[in-house]
Amino acid sequence: MEDSFLHLVRKRRSVRSYRADPVEKEKIEYILEAARLAPSACNRQPWRFIVVDDESMRGKICRDGLGGIVSNEWARTAPVIIVLSVTYSPLVHTAGKVAKGIDYRLLDAGIAGEHICLAAAEQGLGTCWIGWFNARAIKRIVGMPVGWKVVALITLGYEKGEGNDAHEKKRLRPEDICFFNRF
């Protein structure tokens, strides 16, 4: 019998076609609670989530905040776009970046973002990370405060059509990516 967590991870995939059905507020709150509980460097919890379910604002995001070389035109079908952002903590984020060369806010946001995707899959919803966007336009559209940084957009909604394994991407074998004790 397959472990329920691995089943959930295998179920989650990038969805690029959504039904027009709205996402229930209770499901969005559940998903955000999962993200809120994600671990973060020094428990600073730098993430901030802006849930855009207003059709007009989503249209502006898709028109002004996406596009260019990668159009992401499919994002217009998503009934919800979550703007995944981070704030800044001088002590943790400056010291960590200077001392280790790592922007811990981005790691923290990645963990919280994946909590969003897995919780959504558990709720029967599809998601897709978008990393190609115009951050300045997104910040303007959603009225983001100075000091916040847009990390990613995550589309959210009910998948159009039947989700199936036909879309599953080939994954590297464990022995090609996992090494114990040394390479």
N, C-alpha and C. Protein backbone atom coordinates (compact mmCIF):
# COMPACT_ATOMS: atom_id res chain seq x y z
N MET A 1 0.85 -1.18 0.00
CA MET A 1 0.00 0.00 0.00
C MET A 1 0.89 1.25 0.00
N GLU A 2 0.60 2.16 -0.90
CA GLU A 2 1.43 3.36 -1.04
C GLU A 2 1.18 4.33 0.11
N ASP A 3 2.26 4.91 0.59
CA ASP A 3 2.19 5.93 1.62
C ASP A 3 1.33 7.09 1.13
N SER A 4 0.46 7.61 1.99
CA SER A 4 -0.46 8.65 1.57
C SER A 4 0.27 9.94 1.18
N PHE A 5 1.42 10.23 1.83
CA PHE A 5 2.15 11.43 1.45
C PHE A 5 2.72 11.30 0.04
N LEU A 6 3.34 10.17 -0.27
CA LEU A 6 3.87 9.98 -1.63
C LEU A 6 2.74 9.98 -2.66
N HIS A 7 1.60 9.46 -2.29
CA HIS A 7 0.44 9.50 -3.19
C HIS A 7 0.07 10.96 -3.49
N LEU A 8 0.05 11.79 -2.46
CA LEU A 8 -0.26 13.21 -2.63
C LEU A 8 0.79 13.90 -3.51
N VAL A 9 2.06 13.63 -3.26
CA VAL A 9 3.13 14.23 -4.05
C VAL A 9 3.03 13.82 -5.51
N ARG A 10 2.70 12.56 -5.75
CA ARG A 10 2.55 12.10 -7.14
C ARG A 10 1.31 12.70 -7.80
N LYS A 11 0.30 12.98 -7.01
CA LYS A 11 -0.94 13.56 -7.52
C LYS A 11 -0.74 15.02 -7.96
N ARG A 12 0.11 15.76 -7.24
CA ARG A 12 0.36 17.17 -7.54
C ARG A 12 1.14 17.29 -8.85
N ARG A 13 0.65 18.16 -9.70
CA ARG A 13 1.33 18.44 -10.96
C ARG A 13 1.00 19.85 -11.38
N SER A 14 1.70 20.35 -12.37
CA SER A 14 1.45 21.70 -12.86
C SER A 14 0.24 21.69 -13.78
N VAL A 15 -0.78 22.43 -13.38
CA VAL A 15 -2.03 22.50 -14.14
C VAL A 15 -2.05 23.82 -14.91
N ARG A 16 -2.35 23.72 -16.21
CA ARG A 16 -2.36 24.92 -17.05
C ARG A 16 -3.68 25.11 -17.78
N SER A 17 -4.73 24.52 -17.25
CA SER A 17 -6.06 24.72 -17.82
C SER A 17 -7.08 24.50 -16.70
N TYR A 18 -7.83 25.55 -16.39
CA TYR A 18 -8.73 25.51 -15.25
C TYR A 18 -10.18 25.71 -15.66
N ARG A 19 -11.07 25.11 -14.86
CA ARG A 19 -12.49 25.39 -15.01
C ARG A 19 -12.77 26.77 -14.45
N ALA A 20 -13.87 27.35 -14.85
CA ALA A 20 -14.24 28.70 -14.39
C ALA A 20 -14.80 28.68 -12.96
N ASP A 21 -15.06 27.51 -12.40
CA ASP A 21 -15.65 27.41 -11.05
C ASP A 21 -14.81 28.18 -10.03
N PRO A 22 -15.46 28.96 -9.18
CA PRO A 22 -14.70 29.65 -8.13
C PRO A 22 -14.18 28.64 -7.11
N VAL A 23 -13.11 29.00 -6.43
CA VAL A 23 -12.55 28.16 -5.37
C VAL A 23 -13.17 28.61 -4.06
N GLU A 24 -13.68 27.66 -3.31
CA GLU A 24 -14.33 27.96 -2.04
C GLU A 24 -13.36 28.62 -1.07
N LYS A 25 -13.84 29.63 -0.36
CA LYS A 25 -13.00 30.37 0.59
C LYS A 25 -12.41 29.44 1.65
N GLU A 26 -13.17 28.45 2.09
CA GLU A 26 -12.69 27.52 3.11
C GLU A 26 -11.46 26.75 2.60
N LYS A 27 -11.48 26.39 1.33
CA LYS A 27 -10.32 25.67 0.77
C LYS A 27 -9.11 26.59 0.67
N ILE A 28 -9.34 27.84 0.28
CA ILE A 28 -8.23 28.79 0.21
C ILE A 28 -7.65 29.01 1.61
N GLU A 29 -8.49 29.15 2.61
CA GLU A 29 -8.02 29.35 3.98
C GLU A 29 -7.23 28.13 4.47
N TYR A 30 -7.68 26.93 4.12
CA TYR A 30 -6.97 25.71 4.49
C TYR A 30 -5.57 25.70 3.86
N ILE A 31 -5.50 26.05 2.60
CA ILE A 31 -4.23 26.09 1.87
C ILE A 31 -3.29 27.12 2.47
N LEU A 32 -3.80 28.29 2.80
CA LEU A 32 -2.97 29.33 3.40
C LEU A 32 -2.50 28.94 4.80
N GLU A 33 -3.33 28.21 5.53
CA GLU A 33 -2.91 27.72 6.84
C GLU A 33 -1.74 26.74 6.71
N ALA A 34 -1.80 25.88 5.70
CA ALA A 34 -0.68 24.96 5.45
C ALA A 34 0.59 25.75 5.15
N ALA A 35 0.49 26.80 4.37
CA ALA A 35 1.65 27.63 4.04
C ALA A 35 2.15 28.38 5.28
N ARG A 36 1.24 28.87 6.08
CA ARG A 36 1.61 29.60 7.30
C ARG A 36 2.43 28.75 8.24
N LEU A 37 2.18 27.45 8.24
CA LEU A 37 2.86 26.53 9.16
C LEU A 37 4.21 26.04 8.63
N ALA A 38 4.62 26.49 7.48
CA ALA A 38 5.90 26.07 6.90
C ALA A 38 7.06 26.55 7.78
N PRO A 39 8.15 25.80 7.79
CA PRO A 39 9.32 26.26 8.54
C PRO A 39 10.03 27.40 7.82
N SER A 40 10.78 28.19 8.59
CA SER A 40 11.54 29.30 7.99
C SER A 40 12.79 29.55 8.82
N ALA A 41 13.78 30.18 8.19
CA ALA A 41 15.04 30.49 8.87
C ALA A 41 14.76 31.36 10.09
N CYS A 42 15.25 30.92 11.23
CA CYS A 42 15.07 31.64 12.50
C CYS A 42 13.60 31.97 12.79
N ASN A 43 12.71 31.19 12.22
CA ASN A 43 11.26 31.36 12.39
C ASN A 43 10.79 32.78 12.06
N ARG A 44 11.44 33.42 11.07
CA ARG A 44 11.10 34.80 10.70
C ARG A 44 9.83 34.88 9.86
N GLN A 45 9.43 33.77 9.25
CA GLN A 45 8.18 33.71 8.48
C GLN A 45 8.07 34.91 7.53
N PRO A 46 9.00 35.05 6.59
CA PRO A 46 9.03 36.24 5.74
C PRO A 46 7.96 36.26 4.65
N TRP A 47 7.27 35.16 4.46
CA TRP A 47 6.31 35.08 3.36
C TRP A 47 5.08 35.93 3.61
N ARG A 48 4.53 36.40 2.51
CA ARG A 48 3.25 37.10 2.51
C ARG A 48 2.50 36.60 1.28
N PHE A 49 1.21 36.37 1.42
CA PHE A 49 0.41 35.80 0.35
C PHE A 49 -0.71 36.77 -0.02
N ILE A 50 -0.76 37.15 -1.25
CA ILE A 50 -1.84 38.00 -1.73
C ILE A 50 -2.70 37.14 -2.64
N VAL A 51 -3.92 36.87 -2.20
CA VAL A 51 -4.84 36.02 -2.95
C VAL A 51 -5.65 36.91 -3.87
N VAL A 52 -5.49 36.69 -5.16
CA VAL A 52 -6.21 37.51 -6.15
C VAL A 52 -7.28 36.63 -6.79
N ASP A 53 -8.53 36.85 -6.36
CA ASP A 53 -9.64 36.11 -6.95
C ASP A 53 -10.60 37.03 -7.69
N ASP A 54 -10.31 38.32 -7.68
CA ASP A 54 -11.09 39.29 -8.43
C ASP A 54 -10.74 39.18 -9.91
N GLU A 55 -11.75 38.97 -10.74
CA GLU A 55 -11.52 38.74 -12.17
C GLU A 55 -10.79 39.90 -12.84
N SER A 56 -11.14 41.11 -12.49
CA SER A 56 -10.50 42.29 -13.09
C SER A 56 -9.01 42.36 -12.74
N MET A 57 -8.70 42.13 -11.47
CA MET A 57 -7.29 42.16 -11.05
C MET A 57 -6.49 41.02 -11.67
N ARG A 58 -7.10 39.84 -11.76
CA ARG A 58 -6.40 38.72 -12.41
C ARG A 58 -6.13 39.06 -13.87
N GLY A 59 -7.09 39.72 -14.51
CA GLY A 59 -6.90 40.15 -15.89
C GLY A 59 -5.74 41.11 -16.03
N LYS A 60 -5.63 42.06 -15.09
CA LYS A 60 -4.51 43.01 -15.12
C LYS A 60 -3.18 42.30 -14.90
N ILE A 61 -3.17 41.34 -13.97
CA ILE A 61 -1.94 40.58 -13.73
C ILE A 61 -1.53 39.85 -14.99
N CYS A 62 -2.48 39.19 -15.64
CA CYS A 62 -2.17 38.43 -16.85
C CYS A 62 -1.78 39.35 -18.01
N ARG A 63 -2.42 40.50 -18.11
CA ARG A 63 -2.14 41.43 -19.21
C ARG A 63 -0.83 42.19 -19.00
N ASP A 64 -0.64 42.72 -17.78
CA ASP A 64 0.50 43.61 -17.54
C ASP A 64 1.66 42.95 -16.82
N GLY A 65 1.38 41.89 -16.06
CA GLY A 65 2.42 41.27 -15.25
C GLY A 65 3.03 40.03 -15.84
N LEU A 66 2.38 39.47 -16.84
CA LEU A 66 2.92 38.28 -17.51
C LEU A 66 3.23 38.65 -18.95
N GLY A 67 3.77 37.74 -19.68
CA GLY A 67 4.01 38.00 -21.09
C GLY A 67 5.48 38.12 -21.42
N GLY A 68 5.71 38.68 -22.58
CA GLY A 68 7.08 38.74 -23.07
C GLY A 68 7.42 37.46 -23.79
N ILE A 69 8.59 36.96 -23.55
CA ILE A 69 9.05 35.74 -24.22
C ILE A 69 8.18 34.54 -23.84
N VAL A 70 7.82 34.43 -22.57
CA VAL A 70 6.96 33.35 -22.09
C VAL A 70 5.61 33.98 -21.76
N SER A 71 4.61 33.74 -22.59
CA SER A 71 3.34 34.45 -22.44
C SER A 71 2.50 34.00 -21.25
N ASN A 72 2.56 32.73 -20.91
CA ASN A 72 1.73 32.18 -19.83
C ASN A 72 0.26 32.55 -20.01
N GLU A 73 -0.19 32.57 -21.25
CA GLU A 73 -1.58 32.93 -21.59
C GLU A 73 -2.58 32.04 -20.85
N TRP A 74 -2.22 30.80 -20.60
CA TRP A 74 -3.10 29.86 -19.92
C TRP A 74 -3.49 30.35 -18.52
N ALA A 75 -2.68 31.23 -17.89
CA ALA A 75 -2.96 31.69 -16.53
C ALA A 75 -4.29 32.43 -16.44
N ARG A 76 -4.77 32.94 -17.56
CA ARG A 76 -6.06 33.65 -17.58
C ARG A 76 -7.22 32.75 -17.17
N THR A 77 -7.03 31.43 -17.31
CA THR A 77 -8.11 30.51 -16.97
C THR A 77 -8.21 30.23 -15.48
N ALA A 78 -7.18 30.59 -14.71
CA ALA A 78 -7.18 30.29 -13.27
C ALA A 78 -8.11 31.25 -12.52
N PRO A 79 -9.00 30.71 -11.69
CA PRO A 79 -9.89 31.58 -10.91
C PRO A 79 -9.19 32.27 -9.74
N VAL A 80 -7.99 31.80 -9.38
CA VAL A 80 -7.24 32.41 -8.29
C VAL A 80 -5.76 32.46 -8.69
N ILE A 81 -5.13 33.57 -8.38
CA ILE A 81 -3.67 33.68 -8.50
C ILE A 81 -3.16 34.12 -7.13
N ILE A 82 -2.24 33.36 -6.59
CA ILE A 82 -1.63 33.72 -5.31
C ILE A 82 -0.28 34.36 -5.62
N VAL A 83 -0.11 35.59 -5.15
CA VAL A 83 1.18 36.27 -5.31
C VAL A 83 2.00 35.92 -4.07
N LEU A 84 3.04 35.13 -4.27
CA LEU A 84 3.91 34.69 -3.19
C LEU A 84 5.02 35.73 -3.06
N SER A 85 5.08 36.36 -1.90
CA SER A 85 6.01 37.46 -1.67
C SER A 85 6.77 37.23 -0.38
N VAL A 86 7.83 38.01 -0.20
CA VAL A 86 8.59 37.95 1.05
C VAL A 86 8.86 39.36 1.54
N THR A 87 9.00 39.48 2.86
CA THR A 87 9.40 40.73 3.48
C THR A 87 10.88 40.60 3.84
N TYR A 88 11.39 41.57 4.51
CA TYR A 88 12.82 41.63 4.78
C TYR A 88 13.09 41.77 6.26
N SER A 89 13.95 40.90 6.80
CA SER A 89 14.40 41.00 8.18
C SER A 89 15.90 41.27 8.15
N PRO A 90 16.33 42.47 8.49
CA PRO A 90 17.75 42.81 8.35
C PRO A 90 18.70 41.82 9.02
N LEU A 91 18.41 41.43 10.23
CA LEU A 91 19.32 40.55 10.94
C LEU A 91 19.49 39.21 10.24
N VAL A 92 18.38 38.52 10.02
CA VAL A 92 18.46 37.17 9.43
C VAL A 92 18.83 37.22 7.96
N HIS A 93 18.17 38.08 7.23
CA HIS A 93 18.33 38.04 5.78
C HIS A 93 19.61 38.71 5.29
N THR A 94 20.03 39.78 5.93
CA THR A 94 21.30 40.40 5.53
C THR A 94 22.46 39.57 6.03
N ALA A 95 22.43 39.20 7.31
CA ALA A 95 23.53 38.41 7.88
C ALA A 95 23.67 37.08 7.16
N GLY A 96 22.55 36.43 6.91
CA GLY A 96 22.61 35.13 6.22
C GLY A 96 23.15 35.25 4.81
N LYS A 97 22.74 36.28 4.12
CA LYS A 97 23.20 36.46 2.75
C LYS A 97 24.68 36.82 2.71
N VAL A 98 25.12 37.68 3.64
CA VAL A 98 26.53 38.07 3.67
C VAL A 98 27.39 36.89 4.14
N ALA A 99 26.98 36.24 5.22
CA ALA A 99 27.80 35.17 5.80
C ALA A 99 27.83 33.91 4.95
N LYS A 100 26.69 33.56 4.36
CA LYS A 100 26.59 32.29 3.64
C LYS A 100 26.31 32.43 2.16
N GLY A 101 26.00 33.64 1.72
CA GLY A 101 25.68 33.84 0.30
C GLY A 101 24.33 33.26 -0.09
N ILE A 102 23.46 33.10 0.89
CA ILE A 102 22.15 32.48 0.64
C ILE A 102 21.05 33.46 1.04
N ASP A 103 20.10 33.68 0.15
CA ASP A 103 18.94 34.49 0.48
C ASP A 103 17.90 33.56 1.08
N TYR A 104 17.90 33.47 2.40
CA TYR A 104 17.02 32.53 3.09
C TYR A 104 15.55 32.82 2.87
N ARG A 105 15.22 34.06 2.54
CA ARG A 105 13.82 34.39 2.25
C ARG A 105 13.31 33.56 1.08
N LEU A 106 14.15 33.37 0.07
CA LEU A 106 13.73 32.60 -1.10
C LEU A 106 13.54 31.13 -0.77
N LEU A 107 14.43 30.60 0.07
CA LEU A 107 14.24 29.21 0.52
C LEU A 107 12.94 29.08 1.31
N ASP A 108 12.72 30.01 2.22
CA ASP A 108 11.50 29.99 3.03
C ASP A 108 10.25 30.09 2.16
N ALA A 109 10.29 30.98 1.18
CA ALA A 109 9.14 31.14 0.27
C ALA A 109 8.91 29.87 -0.54
N GLY A 110 9.99 29.22 -0.96
CA GLY A 110 9.85 27.98 -1.71
C GLY A 110 9.17 26.89 -0.89
N ILE A 111 9.53 26.80 0.38
CA ILE A 111 8.90 25.80 1.25
C ILE A 111 7.42 26.13 1.42
N ALA A 112 7.11 27.39 1.71
CA ALA A 112 5.71 27.78 1.89
C ALA A 112 4.92 27.59 0.60
N GLY A 113 5.53 27.92 -0.53
CA GLY A 113 4.86 27.75 -1.82
C GLY A 113 4.54 26.30 -2.11
N GLU A 114 5.45 25.42 -1.79
CA GLU A 114 5.16 24.00 -2.03
C GLU A 114 4.12 23.48 -1.06
N HIS A 115 4.07 24.03 0.16
CA HIS A 115 2.98 23.69 1.07
C HIS A 115 1.64 24.08 0.43
N ILE A 116 1.61 25.23 -0.24
CA ILE A 116 0.40 25.66 -0.95
C ILE A 116 0.01 24.62 -2.00
N CYS A 117 0.97 24.22 -2.79
CA CYS A 117 0.69 23.28 -3.89
C CYS A 117 0.22 21.92 -3.37
N LEU A 118 0.85 21.42 -2.34
CA LEU A 118 0.45 20.12 -1.80
C LEU A 118 -0.90 20.19 -1.10
N ALA A 119 -1.14 21.24 -0.34
CA ALA A 119 -2.45 21.39 0.31
C ALA A 119 -3.56 21.53 -0.73
N ALA A 120 -3.26 22.24 -1.81
CA ALA A 120 -4.25 22.38 -2.89
C ALA A 120 -4.56 21.03 -3.51
N ALA A 121 -3.54 20.24 -3.77
CA ALA A 121 -3.75 18.91 -4.34
C ALA A 121 -4.60 18.06 -3.41
N GLU A 122 -4.34 18.17 -2.13
CA GLU A 122 -5.14 17.43 -1.14
C GLU A 122 -6.60 17.85 -1.18
N GLN A 123 -6.86 19.11 -1.51
CA GLN A 123 -8.22 19.64 -1.58
C GLN A 123 -8.87 19.43 -2.95
N GLY A 124 -8.18 18.72 -3.85
CA GLY A 124 -8.74 18.46 -5.18
C GLY A 124 -8.55 19.62 -6.15
N LEU A 125 -7.60 20.50 -5.86
CA LEU A 125 -7.34 21.66 -6.70
C LEU A 125 -5.99 21.52 -7.41
N GLY A 126 -5.88 22.20 -8.53
CA GLY A 126 -4.63 22.22 -9.27
C GLY A 126 -3.91 23.53 -9.05
N THR A 127 -2.60 23.50 -9.25
CA THR A 127 -1.76 24.68 -9.11
C THR A 127 -0.68 24.66 -10.18
N CYS A 128 -0.07 25.82 -10.37
CA CYS A 128 1.11 25.90 -11.22
C CYS A 128 1.94 27.11 -10.77
N TRP A 129 3.22 26.86 -10.56
CA TRP A 129 4.14 27.95 -10.24
C TRP A 129 4.41 28.75 -11.50
N ILE A 130 4.47 30.06 -11.37
CA ILE A 130 4.90 30.93 -12.47
C ILE A 130 6.08 31.74 -11.96
N GLY A 131 7.19 31.60 -12.65
CA GLY A 131 8.40 32.33 -12.26
C GLY A 131 8.78 33.41 -13.25
N TRP A 132 8.06 33.48 -14.37
CA TRP A 132 8.34 34.48 -15.40
C TRP A 132 7.27 35.55 -15.32
N PHE A 133 7.60 36.70 -14.74
CA PHE A 133 6.62 37.76 -14.54
C PHE A 133 7.35 39.09 -14.40
N ASN A 134 6.59 40.16 -14.49
CA ASN A 134 7.10 41.51 -14.31
C ASN A 134 6.78 41.91 -12.87
N ALA A 135 7.78 41.80 -12.00
CA ALA A 135 7.57 42.04 -10.57
C ALA A 135 7.07 43.46 -10.30
N ARG A 136 7.60 44.43 -11.01
CA ARG A 136 7.19 45.82 -10.79
C ARG A 136 5.70 45.99 -11.09
N ALA A 137 5.25 45.40 -12.18
CA ALA A 137 3.82 45.50 -12.54
C ALA A 137 2.95 44.77 -11.52
N ILE A 138 3.37 43.60 -11.10
CA ILE A 138 2.59 42.84 -10.11
C ILE A 138 2.47 43.65 -8.82
N LYS A 139 3.58 44.21 -8.35
CA LYS A 139 3.56 45.01 -7.12
C LYS A 139 2.59 46.18 -7.24
N ARG A 140 2.60 46.84 -8.39
CA ARG A 140 1.71 47.98 -8.60
C ARG A 140 0.25 47.53 -8.61
N ILE A 141 -0.05 46.45 -9.30
CA ILE A 141 -1.43 45.97 -9.44
C ILE A 141 -2.03 45.61 -8.08
N VAL A 142 -1.25 44.92 -7.25
CA VAL A 142 -1.80 44.46 -5.96
C VAL A 142 -1.53 45.45 -4.82
N GLY A 143 -0.86 46.56 -5.12
CA GLY A 143 -0.60 47.57 -4.09
C GLY A 143 0.37 47.09 -3.03
N MET A 144 1.40 46.37 -3.44
CA MET A 144 2.36 45.78 -2.51
C MET A 144 3.22 46.85 -1.85
N PRO A 145 3.41 46.75 -0.55
CA PRO A 145 4.23 47.74 0.16
C PRO A 145 5.70 47.71 -0.27
N VAL A 146 6.38 48.81 -0.06
CA VAL A 146 7.82 48.89 -0.30
C VAL A 146 8.49 47.89 0.64
N GLY A 147 9.52 47.25 0.18
CA GLY A 147 10.23 46.27 1.01
C GLY A 147 9.77 44.84 0.79
N TRP A 148 8.63 44.66 0.15
CA TRP A 148 8.19 43.30 -0.19
C TRP A 148 8.75 42.95 -1.55
N LYS A 149 9.04 41.69 -1.75
CA LYS A 149 9.57 41.19 -3.02
C LYS A 149 8.66 40.09 -3.54
N VAL A 150 8.28 40.17 -4.81
CA VAL A 150 7.49 39.10 -5.44
C VAL A 150 8.44 37.96 -5.76
N VAL A 151 8.11 36.77 -5.29
CA VAL A 151 8.94 35.59 -5.52
C VAL A 151 8.38 34.73 -6.65
N ALA A 152 7.07 34.55 -6.64
CA ALA A 152 6.42 33.70 -7.64
C ALA A 152 4.93 33.98 -7.63
N LEU A 153 4.28 33.53 -8.67
CA LEU A 153 2.83 33.50 -8.73
C LEU A 153 2.44 32.04 -8.75
N ILE A 154 1.36 31.70 -8.07
CA ILE A 154 0.86 30.32 -8.09
C ILE A 154 -0.61 30.39 -8.51
N THR A 155 -0.92 29.78 -9.65
CA THR A 155 -2.31 29.72 -10.07
C THR A 155 -3.00 28.61 -9.28
N LEU A 156 -4.31 28.76 -9.09
CA LEU A 156 -5.06 27.83 -8.26
C LEU A 156 -6.47 27.70 -8.81
N GLY A 157 -6.95 26.48 -8.90
CA GLY A 157 -8.32 26.25 -9.33
C GLY A 157 -8.57 24.79 -9.62
N TYR A 158 -9.78 24.53 -10.10
CA TYR A 158 -10.16 23.17 -10.46
C TYR A 158 -9.69 22.90 -11.90
N GLU A 159 -9.02 21.79 -12.06
CA GLU A 159 -8.47 21.46 -13.37
C GLU A 159 -9.60 21.22 -14.38
N LYS A 160 -9.38 21.74 -15.57
CA LYS A 160 -10.32 21.52 -16.66
C LYS A 160 -10.02 20.15 -17.25
N GLY A 161 -11.06 19.37 -17.44
CA GLY A 161 -10.87 18.02 -17.96
C GLY A 161 -10.45 17.08 -16.84
N GLU A 162 -10.18 15.88 -17.23
CA GLU A 162 -9.79 14.86 -16.26
C GLU A 162 -8.29 14.89 -16.03
N GLY A 163 -7.88 15.00 -14.79
CA GLY A 163 -6.46 14.87 -14.49
C GLY A 163 -6.07 13.41 -14.64
N ASN A 164 -4.99 13.16 -15.31
CA ASN A 164 -4.54 11.79 -15.47
C ASN A 164 -3.03 11.73 -15.53
N ASP A 165 -2.51 10.54 -15.50
CA ASP A 165 -1.07 10.35 -15.49
C ASP A 165 -0.45 10.53 -16.87
N ALA A 166 -1.26 10.77 -17.89
CA ALA A 166 -0.71 10.97 -19.23
C ALA A 166 0.18 12.20 -19.27
N HIS A 167 -0.05 13.13 -18.36
CA HIS A 167 0.75 14.36 -18.32
C HIS A 167 1.97 14.23 -17.42
N GLU A 168 2.13 13.08 -16.78
CA GLU A 168 3.24 12.91 -15.86
C GLU A 168 4.56 13.02 -16.62
N LYS A 169 5.44 13.83 -16.09
CA LYS A 169 6.74 14.01 -16.72
C LYS A 169 7.70 12.93 -16.25
N LYS A 170 8.58 12.57 -17.13
CA LYS A 170 9.59 11.57 -16.79
C LYS A 170 10.50 12.15 -15.70
N ARG A 171 10.75 11.39 -14.71
CA ARG A 171 11.60 11.81 -13.60
C ARG A 171 12.90 11.02 -13.66
N LEU A 172 13.96 11.63 -13.20
CA LEU A 172 15.22 10.93 -13.09
C LEU A 172 15.09 9.79 -12.09
N ARG A 173 15.86 8.76 -12.29
CA ARG A 173 15.85 7.62 -11.38
C ARG A 173 16.52 8.01 -10.06
N PRO A 174 16.11 7.41 -8.95
CA PRO A 174 16.73 7.74 -7.66
C PRO A 174 18.25 7.59 -7.69
N GLU A 175 18.74 6.54 -8.31
CA GLU A 175 20.19 6.31 -8.33
C GLU A 175 20.95 7.36 -9.17
N ASP A 176 20.23 8.13 -9.97
CA ASP A 176 20.86 9.19 -10.75
C ASP A 176 20.96 10.51 -9.98
N ILE A 177 20.21 10.64 -8.91
CA ILE A 177 20.19 11.92 -8.18
C ILE A 177 20.51 11.81 -6.69
N CYS A 178 20.54 10.58 -6.15
CA CYS A 178 20.74 10.41 -4.72
C CYS A 178 22.08 9.71 -4.46
N PHE A 179 22.84 10.29 -3.56
CA PHE A 179 24.15 9.75 -3.23
C PHE A 179 24.28 9.72 -1.72
N PHE A 180 24.74 8.61 -1.19
CA PHE A 180 24.90 8.48 0.26
C PHE A 180 26.35 8.67 0.62
N ASN A 181 26.58 9.61 1.49
CA ASN A 181 27.89 9.93 2.06
C ASN A 181 28.85 10.62 1.10
N ARG A 182 28.85 10.31 -0.17
CA ARG A 182 29.72 11.01 -1.11
C ARG A 182 29.29 10.71 -2.53
N PHE A 183 29.77 11.49 -3.45
CA PHE A 183 29.44 11.33 -4.87
C PHE A 183 30.23 10.23 -5.45
